[in-house]
Amino acid sequence: MGLTRIWLMLLALTAATTALAFVPGPAAAAGLLAVALLKARTILAGFLHLDRATGWRAAFTVPLAIWLVLIWGLHLI
């Protein structure tokens, strides 16, 4: 992935974050956390080049996804 494409993807995800920030409710919170996960995966793959290292992106993504699910669960309480 080229850096310009990664940068544009992060801009689009930031725009999605901004749009979802004004929507109330647990579904919007789940959407915000999903966008945060996509941003993290984009940064891990694009800037840290973990897409070239087998298994490393998953090693970072799985704990992050678990953490975000726990945050969303706390939001529901």
Protein backbone atom coordinates (compact mmCIF):
# COMPACT_ATOMS: atom_id res chain seq x y z
CA MET A 1 0.00 0.00 0.00
CA GLY A 2 1.30 3.41 -0.86
CA LEU A 3 1.60 6.04 1.82
CA THR A 4 -0.82 8.33 -0.02
CA ARG A 5 -3.46 5.60 -0.08
CA ILE A 6 -2.94 4.92 3.64
CA TRP A 7 -3.16 8.61 4.43
CA LEU A 8 -6.40 8.95 2.43
CA MET A 9 -7.83 5.88 4.17
CA LEU A 10 -7.02 7.40 7.57
CA LEU A 11 -8.67 10.67 6.50
CA ALA A 12 -11.80 8.77 5.47
CA LEU A 13 -11.86 6.86 8.75
CA THR A 14 -11.43 10.12 10.66
CA ALA A 15 -14.40 11.56 8.75
CA ALA A 16 -16.40 8.46 9.72
CA THR A 17 -15.39 8.97 13.35
CA THR A 18 -16.55 12.58 13.20
CA ALA A 19 -19.87 11.59 11.63
CA LEU A 20 -20.51 8.85 14.21
CA ALA A 21 -19.60 11.11 17.12
CA PHE A 22 -22.92 12.93 16.80
CA VAL A 23 -25.03 9.75 16.83
CA PRO A 24 -26.23 8.61 20.28
CA GLY A 25 -26.61 5.04 21.46
CA PRO A 26 -24.72 1.79 21.85
CA ALA A 27 -24.74 1.01 18.13
CA ALA A 28 -22.90 4.27 17.43
CA ALA A 29 -20.42 3.44 20.19
CA ALA A 30 -19.80 0.06 18.57
CA GLY A 31 -19.32 1.82 15.24
CA LEU A 32 -16.82 4.24 16.76
CA LEU A 33 -14.85 1.38 18.28
CA ALA A 34 -14.91 -0.52 14.97
CA VAL A 35 -13.55 2.55 13.18
CA ALA A 36 -10.84 2.81 15.85
CA LEU A 37 -9.91 -0.82 15.18
CA LEU A 38 -9.75 -0.16 11.43
CA LYS A 39 -7.54 2.87 12.03
CA ALA A 40 -5.21 0.81 14.20
CA ARG A 41 -4.99 -1.97 11.62
CA THR A 42 -4.29 0.59 8.89
CA ILE A 43 -1.47 2.11 10.92
CA LEU A 44 -0.06 -1.29 11.86
CA ALA A 45 -0.08 -2.48 8.26
CA GLY A 46 0.88 0.71 6.51
CA PHE A 47 3.29 2.60 8.69
CA LEU A 48 4.75 -0.23 10.79
CA HIS A 49 4.73 -2.63 7.80
CA LEU A 50 3.28 -5.48 9.82
CA ASP A 51 1.41 -6.69 6.75
CA ARG A 52 4.76 -8.10 5.58
CA ALA A 53 5.44 -9.95 8.84
CA THR A 54 3.40 -13.12 9.12
CA GLY A 55 1.21 -13.20 12.20
CA TRP A 56 2.37 -9.95 13.78
CA ARG A 57 -0.60 -7.84 12.73
CA ALA A 58 -2.93 -10.48 14.17
CA ALA A 59 -0.82 -10.56 17.34
CA PHE A 60 -1.55 -6.86 17.79
CA THR A 61 -5.11 -6.88 16.45
CA VAL A 62 -6.59 -9.67 18.59
CA PRO A 63 -5.73 -8.10 22.00
CA LEU A 64 -6.82 -4.70 20.70
CA ALA A 65 -10.15 -6.13 19.52
CA ILE A 66 -10.69 -7.82 22.89
CA TRP A 67 -9.92 -4.54 24.65
CA LEU A 68 -12.36 -2.62 22.45
CA VAL A 69 -15.11 -5.19 23.06
CA LEU A 70 -14.54 -4.83 26.81
CA ILE A 71 -14.78 -1.04 26.49
CA TRP A 72 -18.04 -1.40 24.56
CA GLY A 73 -19.37 -3.78 27.22
CA LEU A 74 -18.59 -1.23 29.92
CA HIS A 75 -20.38 1.38 27.85
CA LEU A 76 -23.50 -0.78 27.89
CA ILE A 77 -23.53 -1.06 31.68
